[in-house]
PDB file of N, CA and C in Angstrom:
ATOM      1  N   UNK A   1      84.708  41.851 125.883  1.00  0.00           N
ATOM      2  CA  UNK A   1      83.900  42.622 125.282  1.00  0.00           C
ATOM      3  C   UNK A   1      84.666  43.635 124.857  1.00  0.00           C
ATOM      4  N   UNK A   2      83.883  44.579 123.607  1.00  0.00           N
ATOM      5  CA  UNK A   2      84.384  45.615 123.150  1.00  0.00           C
ATOM      6  C   UNK A   2      84.336  45.534 121.424  1.00  0.00           C
ATOM      7  N   UNK A   3      84.759  46.931 121.371  1.00  0.00           N
ATOM      8  CA  UNK A   3      84.975  47.186 119.672  1.00  0.00           C
ATOM      9  C   UNK A   3      85.393  46.214 118.983  1.00  0.00           C
ATOM     10  N   UNK A   4      85.514  45.476 117.898  1.00  0.00           N
ATOM     11  CA  UNK A   4      86.470  44.365 117.541  1.00  0.00           C
ATOM     12  C   UNK A   4      87.340  45.144 115.933  1.00  0.00           C
ATOM     13  N   UNK A   5      85.931  46.038 115.279  1.00  0.00           N
ATOM     14  CA  UNK A   5      86.706  46.675 114.086  1.00  0.00           C
ATOM     15  C   UNK A   5      85.782  47.161 113.398  1.00  0.00           C
ATOM     16  N   UNK A   6      85.521  48.580 112.725  1.00  0.00           N
ATOM     17  CA  UNK A   6      84.903  48.969 111.793  1.00  0.00           C
ATOM     18  C   UNK A   6      84.450  48.189 110.469  1.00  0.00           C
ATOM     19  N   UNK A   7      82.832  48.304 110.862  1.00  0.00           N
ATOM     20  CA  UNK A   7      82.116  47.533 109.719  1.00  0.00           C
ATOM     21  C   UNK A   7      81.740  48.133 108.816  1.00  0.00           C
ATOM     22  N   UNK A   8      80.909  48.918 108.495  1.00  0.00           N
ATOM     23  CA  UNK A   8      80.180  49.920 107.647  1.00  0.00           C
ATOM     24  C   UNK A   8      80.513  51.496 107.900  1.00  0.00           C
ATOM     25  N   UNK A   9      80.317  51.964 106.733  1.00  0.00           N
ATOM     26  CA  UNK A   9      80.637  53.575 106.707  1.00  0.00           C
ATOM     27  C   UNK A   9      79.658  53.826 105.729  1.00  0.00           C
ATOM     28  N   UNK A  10      78.968  54.547 105.968  1.00  0.00           N
ATOM     29  CA  UNK A  10      78.048  55.230 105.369  1.00  0.00           C
ATOM     30  C   UNK A  10      77.957  56.968 104.563  1.00  0.00           C
ATOM     31  N   UNK A  11      77.886  57.029 103.505  1.00  0.00           N
ATOM     32  CA  UNK A  11      78.555  57.210 102.087  1.00  0.00           C
ATOM     33  C   UNK A  11      76.754  58.239 101.800  1.00  0.00           C
ATOM     34  N   UNK A  12      76.902  59.541 102.306  1.00  0.00           N
ATOM     35  CA  UNK A  12      75.543  60.408 101.479  1.00  0.00           C
ATOM     36  C   UNK A  12      75.589  60.931  99.906  1.00  0.00           C
ATOM     37  N   UNK A  13      74.679  60.122  98.882  1.00  0.00           N
ATOM     38  CA  UNK A  13      74.652  60.430  97.821  1.00  0.00           C
ATOM     39  C   UNK A  13      73.736  61.019  97.516  1.00  0.00           C
ATOM     40  N   UNK A  14      73.504  61.360  96.224  1.00  0.00           N
ATOM     41  CA  UNK A  14      72.277  62.197  95.193  1.00  0.00           C
ATOM     42  C   UNK A  14      72.164  60.767  94.223  1.00  0.00           C
ATOM     43  N   UNK A  15      72.941  60.254  93.614  1.00  0.00           N
ATOM     44  CA  UNK A  15      72.444  59.383  92.906  1.00  0.00           C
ATOM     45  C   UNK A  15      72.695  58.000  92.873  1.00  0.00           C
ATOM     46  N   UNK A  16      72.379  57.144  93.073  1.00  0.00           N
ATOM     47  CA  UNK A  16      73.148  55.787  93.921  1.00  0.00           C
ATOM     48  C   UNK A  16      73.668  55.383  92.753  1.00  0.00           C
ATOM     49  N   UNK A  17      73.060  54.962  91.612  1.00  0.00           N
ATOM     50  CA  UNK A  17      73.878  54.871  90.119  1.00  0.00           C
ATOM     51  C   UNK A  17      75.241  55.511  89.723  1.00  0.00           C
ATOM     52  N   UNK A  18      75.179  56.339  89.610  1.00  0.00           N
ATOM     53  CA  UNK A  18      76.522  57.387  89.693  1.00  0.00           C
ATOM     54  C   UNK A  18      77.574  57.147  90.764  1.00  0.00           C
ATOM     55  N   UNK A  19      76.955  57.283  91.980  1.00  0.00           N
ATOM     56  CA  UNK A  19      78.229  56.992  92.902  1.00  0.00           C
ATOM     57  C   UNK A  19      78.276  55.166  92.931  1.00  0.00           C
ATOM     58  N   UNK A  20      77.643  54.411  92.574  1.00  0.00           N
ATOM     59  CA  UNK A  20      77.504  53.118  92.252  1.00  0.00           C
ATOM     60  C   UNK A  20      79.207  52.839  91.484  1.00  0.00           C
ATOM     61  N   UNK A  21      79.112  53.627  90.242  1.00  0.00           N
ATOM     62  CA  UNK A  21      79.939  53.603  88.711  1.00  0.00           C
ATOM     63  C   UNK A  21      81.042  54.133  89.040  1.00  0.00           C
ATOM     64  N   UNK A  22      81.260  55.170  89.550  1.00  0.00           N
ATOM     65  CA  UNK A  22      82.395  55.385  90.770  1.00  0.00           C
ATOM     66  C   UNK A  22      83.293  54.342  91.347  1.00  0.00           C
ATOM     67  N   UNK A  23      82.344  53.881  92.500  1.00  0.00           N
ATOM     68  CA  UNK A  23      83.171  52.922  93.882  1.00  0.00           C
ATOM     69  C   UNK A  23      83.756  51.943  93.200  1.00  0.00           C
ATOM     70  N   UNK A  24      82.938  51.260  92.001  1.00  0.00           N
ATOM     71  CA  UNK A  24      83.365  49.939  90.768  1.00  0.00           C
ATOM     72  C   UNK A  24      84.576  50.094  90.380  1.00  0.00           C
ATOM     73  N   UNK A  25      84.586  51.550  89.589  1.00  0.00           N
ATOM     74  CA  UNK A  25      85.826  51.991  89.053  1.00  0.00           C
ATOM     75  C   UNK A  25      87.078  52.299  90.273  1.00  0.00           C
ATOM     76  N   UNK A  26      86.709  51.938  90.738  1.00  0.00           N
ATOM     77  CA  UNK A  26      88.353  51.983  92.333  1.00  0.00           C
ATOM     78  C   UNK A  26      88.135  50.881  92.558  1.00  0.00           C
ATOM     79  N   UNK A  27      87.090  49.432  92.290  1.00  0.00           N
ATOM     80  CA  UNK A  27      87.601  48.254  92.518  1.00  0.00           C
ATOM     81  C   UNK A  27      86.688  47.515  93.772  1.00  0.00           C
ATOM     82  N   UNK A  28      85.628  48.468  94.100  1.00  0.00           N
ATOM     83  CA  UNK A  28      84.769  47.964  95.247  1.00  0.00           C
ATOM     84  C   UNK A  28      83.686  47.281  94.326  1.00  0.00           C
ATOM     85  N   UNK A  29      83.248  46.121  94.972  1.00  0.00           N
ATOM     86  CA  UNK A  29      82.125  45.272  94.224  1.00  0.00           C
ATOM     87  C   UNK A  29      80.997  45.128  95.049  1.00  0.00           C
ATOM     88  N   UNK A  30      79.610  45.320  94.409  1.00  0.00           N
ATOM     89  CA  UNK A  30      78.113  45.579  95.183  1.00  0.00           C
ATOM     90  C   UNK A  30      78.561  43.990  96.062  1.00  0.00           C
ATOM     91  N   UNK A  31      77.804  44.263  97.194  1.00  0.00           N
ATOM     92  CA  UNK A  31      77.692  42.893  98.430  1.00  0.00           C
ATOM     93  C   UNK A  31      76.153  43.119  98.429  1.00  0.00           C
ATOM     94  N   UNK A  32      74.935  44.072  98.683  1.00  0.00           N
ATOM     95  CA  UNK A  32      74.406  43.674  98.770  1.00  0.00           C
ATOM     96  C   UNK A  32      73.109  45.312  97.673  1.00  0.00           C
ATOM     97  N   UNK A  33      72.462  44.943  97.100  1.00  0.00           N
ATOM     98  CA  UNK A  33      71.676  45.799  96.798  1.00  0.00           C
ATOM     99  C   UNK A  33      69.943  45.418  96.559  1.00  0.00           C
ATOM    100  N   UNK A  34      69.504  46.518  97.477  1.00  0.00           N
ATOM    101  CA  UNK A  34      68.035  46.064  97.556  1.00  0.00           C
ATOM    102  C   UNK A  34      66.921  46.825  98.036  1.00  0.00           C
ATOM    103  N   UNK A  35      65.649  47.004  97.645  1.00  0.00           N
ATOM    104  CA  UNK A  35      64.862  47.959  97.978  1.00  0.00           C
ATOM    105  C   UNK A  35      64.345  47.523  99.110  1.00  0.00           C
ATOM    106  N   UNK A  36      64.318  48.331 100.248  1.00  0.00           N
ATOM    107  CA  UNK A  36      64.402  48.459 101.511  1.00  0.00           C
ATOM    108  C   UNK A  36      62.531  48.554 101.843  1.00  0.00           C
ATOM    109  N   UNK A  37      62.359  47.660 102.257  1.00  0.00           N
ATOM    110  CA  UNK A  37      60.675  47.475 103.440  1.00  0.00           C
ATOM    111  C   UNK A  37      60.240  48.261 104.023  1.00  0.00           C
ATOM    112  N   UNK A  38      59.358  48.238 104.356  1.00  0.00           N
ATOM    113  CA  UNK A  38      58.529  49.375 105.855  1.00  0.00           C
ATOM    114  C   UNK A  38      59.220  49.007 106.749  1.00  0.00           C
ATOM    115  N   UNK A  39      59.377  47.709 107.241  1.00  0.00           N
ATOM    116  CA  UNK A  39      60.196  47.097 108.346  1.00  0.00           C
ATOM    117  C   UNK A  39      61.257  47.525 108.673  1.00  0.00           C
ATOM    118  N   UNK A  40      62.125  48.078 107.592  1.00  0.00           N
ATOM    119  CA  UNK A  40      63.841  47.710 107.522  1.00  0.00           C
ATOM    120  C   UNK A  40      64.414  49.633 108.298  1.00  0.00           C
ATOM    121  N   UNK A  41      65.052  50.134 108.276  1.00  0.00           N
ATOM    122  CA  UNK A  41      65.252  51.419 109.458  1.00  0.00           C
ATOM    123  C   UNK A  41      65.924  51.668 108.013  1.00  0.00           C
ATOM    124  N   UNK A  42      65.808  53.183 107.143  1.00  0.00           N
ATOM    125  CA  UNK A  42      65.009  53.796 107.425  1.00  0.00           C
ATOM    126  C   UNK A  42      63.722  53.193 107.159  1.00  0.00           C
ATOM    127  N   UNK A  43      62.223  53.750 107.970  1.00  0.00           N
ATOM    128  CA  UNK A  43      60.784  53.253 107.668  1.00  0.00           C
ATOM    129  C   UNK A  43      60.190  53.744 106.461  1.00  0.00           C
ATOM    130  N   UNK A  44      61.045  54.758 105.898  1.00  0.00           N
ATOM    131  CA  UNK A  44      60.651  55.530 104.392  1.00  0.00           C
ATOM    132  C   UNK A  44      60.361  53.693 103.285  1.00  0.00           C
ATOM    133  N   UNK A  45      59.133  53.689 102.558  1.00  0.00           N
ATOM    134  CA  UNK A  45      58.934  52.597 101.819  1.00  0.00           C
ATOM    135  C   UNK A  45      59.995  52.662 100.320  1.00  0.00           C
ATOM    136  N   UNK A  46      60.444  52.377  99.617  1.00  0.00           N
ATOM    137  CA  UNK A  46      61.333  52.490  98.023  1.00  0.00           C
ATOM    138  C   UNK A  46      62.890  52.890  98.422  1.00  0.00           C
ATOM    139  N   UNK A  47      63.472  53.348  99.375  1.00  0.00           N
ATOM    140  CA  UNK A  47      64.295  53.520  99.429  1.00  0.00           C
ATOM    141  C   UNK A  47      65.719  51.816  99.005  1.00  0.00           C
ATOM    142  N   UNK A  48      66.421  52.362  99.030  1.00  0.00           N
ATOM    143  CA  UNK A  48      67.520  51.303  98.095  1.00  0.00           C
ATOM    144  C   UNK A  48      68.736  50.964  99.542  1.00  0.00           C
ATOM    145  N   UNK A  49      69.072  49.815  99.491  1.00  0.00           N
ATOM    146  CA  UNK A  49      70.281  49.601 100.023  1.00  0.00           C
ATOM    147  C   UNK A  49      71.016  48.988  99.618  1.00  0.00           C
ATOM    148  N   UNK A  50      72.505  49.812  99.149  1.00  0.00           N
ATOM    149  CA  UNK A  50      73.269  50.011  98.424  1.00  0.00           C
ATOM    150  C   UNK A  50      74.852  49.748  99.035  1.00  0.00           C
ATOM    151  N   UNK A  51      75.106  47.912  99.254  1.00  0.00           N
ATOM    152  CA  UNK A  51      76.538  48.203 100.252  1.00  0.00           C
ATOM    153  C   UNK A  51      77.702  47.500  98.908  1.00  0.00           C
ATOM    154  N   UNK A  52      78.719  47.991  99.500  1.00  0.00           N
ATOM    155  CA  UNK A  52      80.015  47.669  98.013  1.00  0.00           C
ATOM    156  C   UNK A  52      81.314  47.641  99.362  1.00  0.00           C
ATOM    157  N   UNK A  53      82.261  46.302  98.621  1.00  0.00           N
ATOM    158  CA  UNK A  53      83.134  45.999  99.214  1.00  0.00           C
ATOM    159  C   UNK A  53      84.646  46.326  98.519  1.00  0.00           C
ATOM    160  N   UNK A  54      85.242  46.542  99.195  1.00  0.00           N
ATOM    161  CA  UNK A  54      86.487  46.948  98.622  1.00  0.00           C
ATOM    162  C   UNK A  54      87.376  45.487  98.285  1.00  0.00           C
ATOM    163  N   UNK A  55      87.867  45.277  97.838  1.00  0.00           N
ATOM    164  CA  UNK A  55      88.587  43.647  97.104  1.00  0.00           C
ATOM    165  C   UNK A  55      88.880  43.229  98.295  1.00  0.00           C
ATOM    166  N   UNK A  56      89.891  43.548  99.333  1.00  0.00           N
ATOM    167  CA  UNK A  56      90.754  42.873 100.194  1.00  0.00           C
ATOM    168  C   UNK A  56      89.880  43.030 101.456  1.00  0.00           C
ATOM    169  N   UNK A  57      88.288  43.403 101.442  1.00  0.00           N
ATOM    170  CA  UNK A  57      87.837  42.876 102.439  1.00  0.00           C
ATOM    171  C   UNK A  57      87.741  44.622 103.888  1.00  0.00           C
ATOM    172  N   UNK A  58      87.640  43.910 104.863  1.00  0.00           N
ATOM    173  CA  UNK A  58      87.601  45.312 105.911  1.00  0.00           C
ATOM    174  C   UNK A  58      86.421  45.822 105.216  1.00  0.00           C
ATOM    175  N   UNK A  59      86.097  47.228 106.286  1.00  0.00           N
ATOM    176  CA  UNK A  59      84.714  48.067 106.145  1.00  0.00           C
ATOM    177  C   UNK A  59      84.147  48.336 104.975  1.00  0.00           C
ATOM    178  N   UNK A  60      82.717  47.739 105.235  1.00  0.00           N
ATOM    179  CA  UNK A  60      82.319  47.910 103.489  1.00  0.00           C
ATOM    180  C   UNK A  60      81.828  49.776 103.634  1.00  0.00           C
ATOM    181  N   UNK A  61      80.934  49.763 102.777  1.00  0.00           N
ATOM    182  CA  UNK A  61      80.519  51.314 102.196  1.00  0.00           C
ATOM    183  C   UNK A  61      78.679  50.995 101.717  1.00  0.00           C
ATOM    184  N   UNK A  62      78.219  51.781 102.625  1.00  0.00           N
ATOM    185  CA  UNK A  62      76.916  51.607 102.021  1.00  0.00           C
ATOM    186  C   UNK A  62      76.437  53.787 101.064  1.00  0.00           C
ATOM    187  N   UNK A  63      75.854  53.526 100.156  1.00  0.00           N
ATOM    188  CA  UNK A  63      75.907  54.558  99.225  1.00  0.00           C
ATOM    189  C   UNK A  63      74.373  54.655  99.602  1.00  0.00           C
ATOM    190  N   UNK A  64      74.317  56.101 100.089  1.00  0.00           N
ATOM    191  CA  UNK A  64      72.915  56.510 101.075  1.00  0.00           C
ATOM    192  C   UNK A  64      71.935  57.553 100.518  1.00  0.00           C
ATOM    193  N   UNK A  65      71.117  57.583 100.236  1.00  0.00           N
ATOM    194  CA  UNK A  65      70.765  59.124  99.983  1.00  0.00           C
ATOM    195  C   UNK A  65      69.292  59.360 100.684  1.00  0.00           C
ATOM    196  N   UNK A  66      69.312  58.949 101.567  1.00  0.00           N
ATOM    197  CA  UNK A  66      68.384  59.461 102.823  1.00  0.00           C
ATOM    198  C   UNK A  66      69.549  59.699 103.714  1.00  0.00           C
ATOM    199  N   UNK A  67      68.486  61.096 104.713  1.00  0.00           N
ATOM    200  CA  UNK A  67      69.582  61.670 105.597  1.00  0.00           C
ATOM    201  C   UNK A  67      70.305  60.565 106.949  1.00  0.00           C
ATOM    202  N   UNK A  68      71.366  60.518 106.637  1.00  0.00           N
ATOM    203  CA  UNK A  68      72.377  59.567 108.174  1.00  0.00           C
ATOM    204  C   UNK A  68      73.038  60.660 108.943  1.00  0.00           C
ATOM    205  N   UNK A  69      72.125  61.067 110.312  1.00  0.00           N
ATOM    206  CA  UNK A  69      72.650  61.684 111.358  1.00  0.00           C
ATOM    207  C   UNK A  69      73.054  63.298 111.067  1.00  0.00           C
ATOM    208  N   UNK A  70      72.164  63.741 109.757  1.00  0.00           N
ATOM    209  CA  UNK A  70      72.685  64.897 109.440  1.00  0.00           C
ATOM    210  C   UNK A  70      73.244  65.335 108.233  1.00  0.00           C
ATOM    211  N   UNK A  71      74.264  64.570 107.755  1.00  0.00           N
ATOM    212  CA  UNK A  71      75.170  64.385 106.774  1.00  0.00           C
ATOM    213  C   UNK A  71      75.025  64.513 105.177  1.00  0.00           C
ATOM    214  N   UNK A  72      75.142  65.769 104.665  1.00  0.00           N
ATOM    215  CA  UNK A  72      74.336  66.021 103.063  1.00  0.00           C
ATOM    216  C   UNK A  72      75.377  65.131 102.682  1.00  0.00           C
ATOM    217  N   UNK A  73      74.954  64.977 101.179  1.00  0.00           N
ATOM    218  CA  UNK A  73      76.345  64.624  99.861  1.00  0.00           C
ATOM    219  C   UNK A  73      77.598  65.580 100.238  1.00  0.00           C
ATOM    220  N   UNK A  74      78.277  65.073  99.805  1.00  0.00           N
ATOM    221  CA  UNK A  74      79.637  65.817  99.618  1.00  0.00           C
ATOM    222  C   UNK A  74      80.116  65.957 101.451  1.00  0.00           C
ATOM    223  N   UNK A  75      80.204  65.483 102.258  1.00  0.00           N
ATOM    224  CA  UNK A  75      80.576  65.688 103.485  1.00  0.00           C
ATOM    225  C   UNK A  75      81.290  64.498 103.954  1.00  0.00           C
ATOM    226  N   UNK A  76      81.096  63.233 103.582  1.00  0.00           N
ATOM    227  CA  UNK A  76      82.199  61.967 103.701  1.00  0.00           C
ATOM    228  C   UNK A  76      83.032  62.358 103.272  1.00  0.00           C
ATOM    229  N   UNK A  77      83.994  61.486 103.751  1.00  0.00           N
ATOM    230  CA  UNK A  77      85.641  61.239 103.186  1.00  0.00           C
ATOM    231  C   UNK A  77      85.897  60.277 103.997  1.00  0.00           C
ATOM    232  N   UNK A  78      86.329  59.875 103.040  1.00  0.00           N
ATOM    233  CA  UNK A  78      87.005  58.206 103.296  1.00  0.00           C
ATOM    234  C   UNK A  78      88.800  57.629 102.856  1.00  0.00           C
ATOM    235  N   UNK A  79      88.999  57.196 103.355  1.00  0.00           N
ATOM    236  CA  UNK A  79      90.676  56.646 103.027  1.00  0.00           C
ATOM    237  C   UNK A  79      90.806  55.321 102.871  1.00  0.00           C
ATOM    238  N   UNK A  80      91.267  54.998 101.810  1.00  0.00           N
ATOM    239  CA  UNK A  80      91.849  53.406 101.094  1.00  0.00           C
ATOM    240  C   UNK A  80      93.399  53.140 100.810  1.00  0.00           C
ATOM    241  N   UNK A  81      93.611  52.076 101.078  1.00  0.00           N
ATOM    242  CA  UNK A  81      95.070  51.624 100.728  1.00  0.00           C
ATOM    243  C   UNK A  81      94.844  51.149  99.694  1.00  0.00           C
ATOM    244  N   UNK A  82      96.059  51.138  99.320  1.00  0.00           N
ATOM    245  CA  UNK A  82      96.522  50.150  97.972  1.00  0.00           C
ATOM    246  C   UNK A  82      98.150  50.144  97.892  1.00  0.00           C
ATOM    247  N   UNK A  83      98.846  49.569  97.319  1.00  0.00           N
ATOM    248  CA  UNK A  83     100.044  49.342  96.920  1.00  0.00           C
ATOM    249  C   UNK A  83     100.767  49.749  95.985  1.00  0.00           C
ATOM    250  N   UNK A  84     100.678  50.396  95.499  1.00  0.00           N
ATOM    251  CA  UNK A  84     101.533  51.042  94.467  1.00  0.00           C
ATOM    252  C   UNK A  84     100.377  52.784  93.944  1.00  0.00           C
ATOM    253  N   UNK A  85     100.419  53.581  94.473  1.00  0.00           N
ATOM    254  CA  UNK A  85      99.699  54.777  94.448  1.00  0.00           C
ATOM    255  C   UNK A  85      99.836  55.130  92.471  1.00  0.00           C
ATOM    256  N   UNK A  86     101.085  55.243  91.931  1.00  0.00           N
ATOM    257  CA  UNK A  86     101.038  55.682  90.948  1.00  0.00           C
ATOM    258  C   UNK A  86     100.423  55.006  90.324  1.00  0.00           C
ATOM    259  N   UNK A  87     100.720  53.669  90.299  1.00  0.00           N
ATOM    260  CA  UNK A  87     100.485  52.895  89.286  1.00  0.00           C
ATOM    261  C   UNK A  87      98.467  52.884  89.295  1.00  0.00           C
ATOM    262  N   UNK A  88      98.291  52.725  90.599  1.00  0.00           N
ATOM    263  CA  UNK A  88      96.959  53.077  90.691  1.00  0.00           C
ATOM    264  C   UNK A  88      96.326  54.530  89.711  1.00  0.00           C
ATOM    265  N   UNK A  89      96.665  55.519  90.457  1.00  0.00           N
ATOM    266  CA  UNK A  89      96.834  56.585  89.369  1.00  0.00           C
ATOM    267  C   UNK A  89      96.497  56.510  87.807  1.00  0.00           C
ATOM    268  N   UNK A  90      97.268  55.754  87.554  1.00  0.00           N
ATOM    269  CA  UNK A  90      97.494  55.598  85.889  1.00  0.00           C
ATOM    270  C   UNK A  90      96.121  54.933  85.843  1.00  0.00           C
ATOM    271  N   UNK A  91      95.696  53.897  86.273  1.00  0.00           N
ATOM    272  CA  UNK A  91      94.629  52.633  85.920  1.00  0.00           C
ATOM    273  C   UNK A  91      93.312  53.682  86.188  1.00  0.00           C
ATOM    274  N   UNK A  92      93.074  54.451  87.813  1.00  0.00           N
ATOM    275  CA  UNK A  92      92.110  55.199  87.500  1.00  0.00           C
ATOM    276  C   UNK A  92      91.539  56.364  86.785  1.00  0.00           C
ATOM    277  N   UNK A  93      93.184  57.230  86.061  1.00  0.00           N
ATOM    278  CA  UNK A  93      93.352  58.561  84.690  1.00  0.00           C
ATOM    279  C   UNK A  93      92.595  57.543  83.139  1.00  0.00           C
ATOM    280  N   UNK A  94      92.797  56.356  83.296  1.00  0.00           N
ATOM    281  CA  UNK A  94      92.669  55.550  82.296  1.00  0.00           C
ATOM    282  C   UNK A  94      91.101  55.593  82.085  1.00  0.00           C
ATOM    283  N   UNK A  95      90.465  54.723  83.858  1.00  0.00           N
ATOM    284  CA  UNK A  95      88.919  54.955  83.500  1.00  0.00           C
ATOM    285  C   UNK A  95      88.403  56.027  83.682  1.00  0.00           C
ATOM    286  N   UNK A  96      88.573  57.281  83.510  1.00  0.00           N
ATOM    287  CA  UNK A  96      88.268  58.333  83.343  1.00  0.00           C
ATOM    288  C   UNK A  96      87.669  58.955  84.143  1.00  0.00           C
ATOM    289  N   UNK A  97      88.661  59.070  85.148  1.00  0.00           N
ATOM    290  CA  UNK A  97      88.749  59.476  87.051  1.00  0.00           C
ATOM    291  C   UNK A  97      89.236  60.417  86.567  1.00  0.00           C
ATOM    292  N   UNK A  98      89.014  61.649  87.915  1.00  0.00           N
ATOM    293  CA  UNK A  98      90.447  62.852  87.994  1.00  0.00           C
ATOM    294  C   UNK A  98      90.997  62.996  89.345  1.00  0.00           C
ATOM    295  N   UNK A  99      91.439  61.759  89.716  1.00  0.00           N
ATOM    296  CA  UNK A  99      92.164  62.041  90.653  1.00  0.00           C
ATOM    297  C   UNK A  99      93.533  63.263  91.245  1.00  0.00           C
ATOM    298  N   UNK A 100      94.030  63.901  92.494  1.00  0.00           N
ATOM    299  CA  UNK A 100      94.942  64.712  92.182  1.00  0.00           C
ATOM    300  C   UNK A 100      96.550  63.788  91.850  1.00  0.00           C
ATOM    301  N   UNK A 101      97.047  64.984  91.497  1.00  0.00           N
ATOM    302  CA  UNK A 101      98.249  64.363  91.487  1.00  0.00           C
ATOM    303  C   UNK A 101      99.457  63.596  92.439  1.00  0.00           C
ATOM    304  N   UNK A 102      99.323  62.433  92.259  1.00  0.00           N
ATOM    305  CA  UNK A 102     100.150  61.991  93.377  1.00  0.00           C
ATOM    306  C   UNK A 102     100.884  62.271  94.280  1.00  0.00           C
ATOM    307  N   UNK A 103     101.238  62.462  95.371  1.00  0.00           N
ATOM    308  CA  UNK A 103     102.524  63.140  96.519  1.00  0.00           C
ATOM    309  C   UNK A 103     103.036  62.306  97.468  1.00  0.00           C
ATOM    310  N   UNK A 104     104.464  62.840  97.109  1.00  0.00           N
ATOM    311  CA  UNK A 104     105.483  61.366  98.334  1.00  0.00           C
ATOM    312  C   UNK A 104     105.158  62.380  99.618  1.00  0.00           C
ATOM    313  N   UNK A 105     104.792  62.011 100.863  1.00  0.00           N
ATOM    314  CA  UNK A 105     104.968  62.209 102.178  1.00  0.00           C
ATOM    315  C   UNK A 105     106.231  61.115 102.628  1.00  0.00           C
ATOM    316  N   UNK A 106     106.640  61.296 103.852  1.00  0.00           N
ATOM    317  CA  UNK A 106     107.188  60.986 104.928  1.00  0.00           C
ATOM    318  C   UNK A 106     106.622  59.618 105.082  1.00  0.00           C
ATOM    319  N   UNK A 107     105.406  59.737 105.154  1.00  0.00           N
ATOM    320  CA  UNK A 107     104.584  57.765 105.748  1.00  0.00           C
ATOM    321  C   UNK A 107     104.178  57.315 104.559  1.00  0.00           C
ATOM    322  N   UNK A 108     104.351  58.267 103.483  1.00  0.00           N
ATOM    323  CA  UNK A 108     103.432  57.042 101.930  1.00  0.00           C
ATOM    324  C   UNK A 108     103.144  57.931 101.105  1.00  0.00           C
ATOM    325  N   UNK A 109     102.847  57.482  99.741  1.00  0.00           N
ATOM    326  CA  UNK A 109     102.261  57.951  98.906  1.00  0.00           C
ATOM    327  C   UNK A 109     101.038  58.100  98.823  1.00  0.00           C
ATOM    328  N   UNK A 110     100.228  59.247  98.419  1.00  0.00           N
ATOM    329  CA  UNK A 110      98.995  59.205  98.348  1.00  0.00           C
ATOM    330  C   UNK A 110      98.673  60.022  97.014  1.00  0.00           C
ATOM    331  N   UNK A 111      96.710  60.679  96.823  1.00  0.00           N
ATOM    332  CA  UNK A 111      96.402  60.984  95.835  1.00  0.00           C
ATOM    333  C   UNK A 111      94.939  61.111  96.695  1.00  0.00           C
ATOM    334  N   UNK A 112      94.269  61.795  95.899  1.00  0.00           N
ATOM    335  CA  UNK A 112      92.395  62.241  96.155  1.00  0.00           C
ATOM    336  C   UNK A 112      92.166  62.501  95.547  1.00  0.00           C
ATOM    337  N   UNK A 113      90.651  61.909  95.031  1.00  0.00           N
ATOM    338  CA  UNK A 113      89.877  62.124  94.493  1.00  0.00           C
ATOM    339  C   UNK A 113      88.108  62.663  95.323  1.00  0.00           C
ATOM    340  N   UNK A 114      87.382  62.954  94.458  1.00  0.00           N
ATOM    341  CA  UNK A 114      86.070  63.159  94.502  1.00  0.00           C
ATOM    342  C   UNK A 114      85.588  62.450  93.531  1.00  0.00           C
ATOM    343  N   UNK A 115      84.035  62.003  94.259  1.00  0.00           N
ATOM    344  CA  UNK A 115      83.052  61.059  93.949  1.00  0.00           C
ATOM    345  C   UNK A 115      82.009  61.841  93.421  1.00  0.00           C
ATOM    346  N   UNK A 116      80.867  61.541  92.710  1.00  0.00           N
ATOM    347  CA  UNK A 116      80.231  62.633  91.610  1.00  0.00           C
ATOM    348  C   UNK A 116      79.557  63.743  92.687  1.00  0.00           C
ATOM    349  N   UNK A 117      79.016  63.221  94.032  1.00  0.00           N
ATOM    350  CA  UNK A 117      78.831  64.474  94.881  1.00  0.00           C
ATOM    351  C   UNK A 117      79.463  65.161  95.757  1.00  0.00           C
ATOM    352  N   UNK A 118      80.679  64.811  95.406  1.00  0.00           N
ATOM    353  CA  UNK A 118      81.587  65.310  96.445  1.00  0.00           C
ATOM    354  C   UNK A 118      82.438  64.674  97.537  1.00  0.00           C
ATOM    355  N   UNK A 119      82.262  63.929  97.720  1.00  0.00           N
ATOM    356  CA  UNK A 119      82.899  62.954  99.026  1.00  0.00           C
ATOM    357  C   UNK A 119      83.779  62.882  98.653  1.00  0.00           C
ATOM    358  N   UNK A 120      84.786  63.062  99.587  1.00  0.00           N
ATOM    359  CA  UNK A 120      86.058  62.836  99.495  1.00  0.00           C
ATOM    360  C   UNK A 120      86.806  61.324  99.446  1.00  0.00           C
ATOM    361  N   UNK A 121      87.528  60.854  98.707  1.00  0.00           N
ATOM    362  CA  UNK A 121      88.105  59.432  98.684  1.00  0.00           C
ATOM    363  C   UNK A 121      89.856  59.845  98.874  1.00  0.00           C
ATOM    364  N   UNK A 122      90.876  59.733  99.610  1.00  0.00           N
ATOM    365  CA  UNK A 122      91.764  59.941  99.562  1.00  0.00           C
ATOM    366  C   UNK A 122      92.312  58.038  99.616  1.00  0.00           C
ATOM    367  N   UNK A 123      93.178  58.154  98.682  1.00  0.00           N
ATOM    368  CA  UNK A 123      94.066  57.141  98.583  1.00  0.00           C
ATOM    369  C   UNK A 123      95.416  56.312  98.922  1.00  0.00           C
ATOM    370  N   UNK A 124      95.607  55.855 100.139  1.00  0.00           N
ATOM    371  CA  UNK A 124      97.063  55.943 100.648  1.00  0.00           C
ATOM    372  C   UNK A 124      98.287  54.558  99.584  1.00  0.00           C
ATOM    373  N   UNK A 125      99.155  54.856  99.799  1.00  0.00           N
ATOM    374  CA  UNK A 125     100.032  53.595  99.640  1.00  0.00           C
ATOM    375  C   UNK A 125     100.438  53.212 100.572  1.00  0.00           C
ATOM    376  N   UNK A 126     100.237  51.650 101.414  1.00  0.00           N
ATOM    377  CA  UNK A 126     100.743  51.498 102.220  1.00  0.00           C
ATOM    378  C   UNK A 126     102.147  50.967 102.252  1.00  0.00           C
ATOM    379  N   UNK A 127     102.618  51.124 103.055  1.00  0.00           N
ATOM    380  CA  UNK A 127     104.450  50.956 103.340  1.00  0.00           C
ATOM    381  C   UNK A 127     104.559  49.522 103.188  1.00  0.00           C
ATOM    382  N   UNK A 128     105.484  49.525 102.700  1.00  0.00           N
ATOM    383  CA  UNK A 128     105.859  47.478 101.915  1.00  0.00           C
ATOM    384  C   UNK A 128     106.591  47.574 103.955  1.00  0.00           C
ATOM    385  N   UNK A 129     106.351  46.135 103.777  1.00  0.00           N
ATOM    386  CA  UNK A 129     106.676  45.613 105.729  1.00  0.00           C
ATOM    387  C   UNK A 129     105.929  44.659 106.094  1.00  0.00           C
TER     388      UNK A 129
END
């Protein structure tokens, strides 16, 4: 027994559709999008479960408009991997996003940006090998 992996990360947002558009530009795809029923958590009717996945798997994200453990929109930070930070930086800039300049560190290249609510997203180039 024991923990095997991270499966889901909740990102607090104010507008799920704006956040969805941002994360789709990063390459995420919607895996689940439905109105929650009163028997689901949280119990308030009319809330939307919006779950997205990165292209090559790993943990999924949920864009939540309801309170999640006291997190407010803009309080979350995630890191995602890519194979070529400079190339992806150019692609995201062409899509209208505003990433920070790429930075070369001893452990690899990276850049960061914020979603529409100010949640941080760091994009890290995975080392070859």
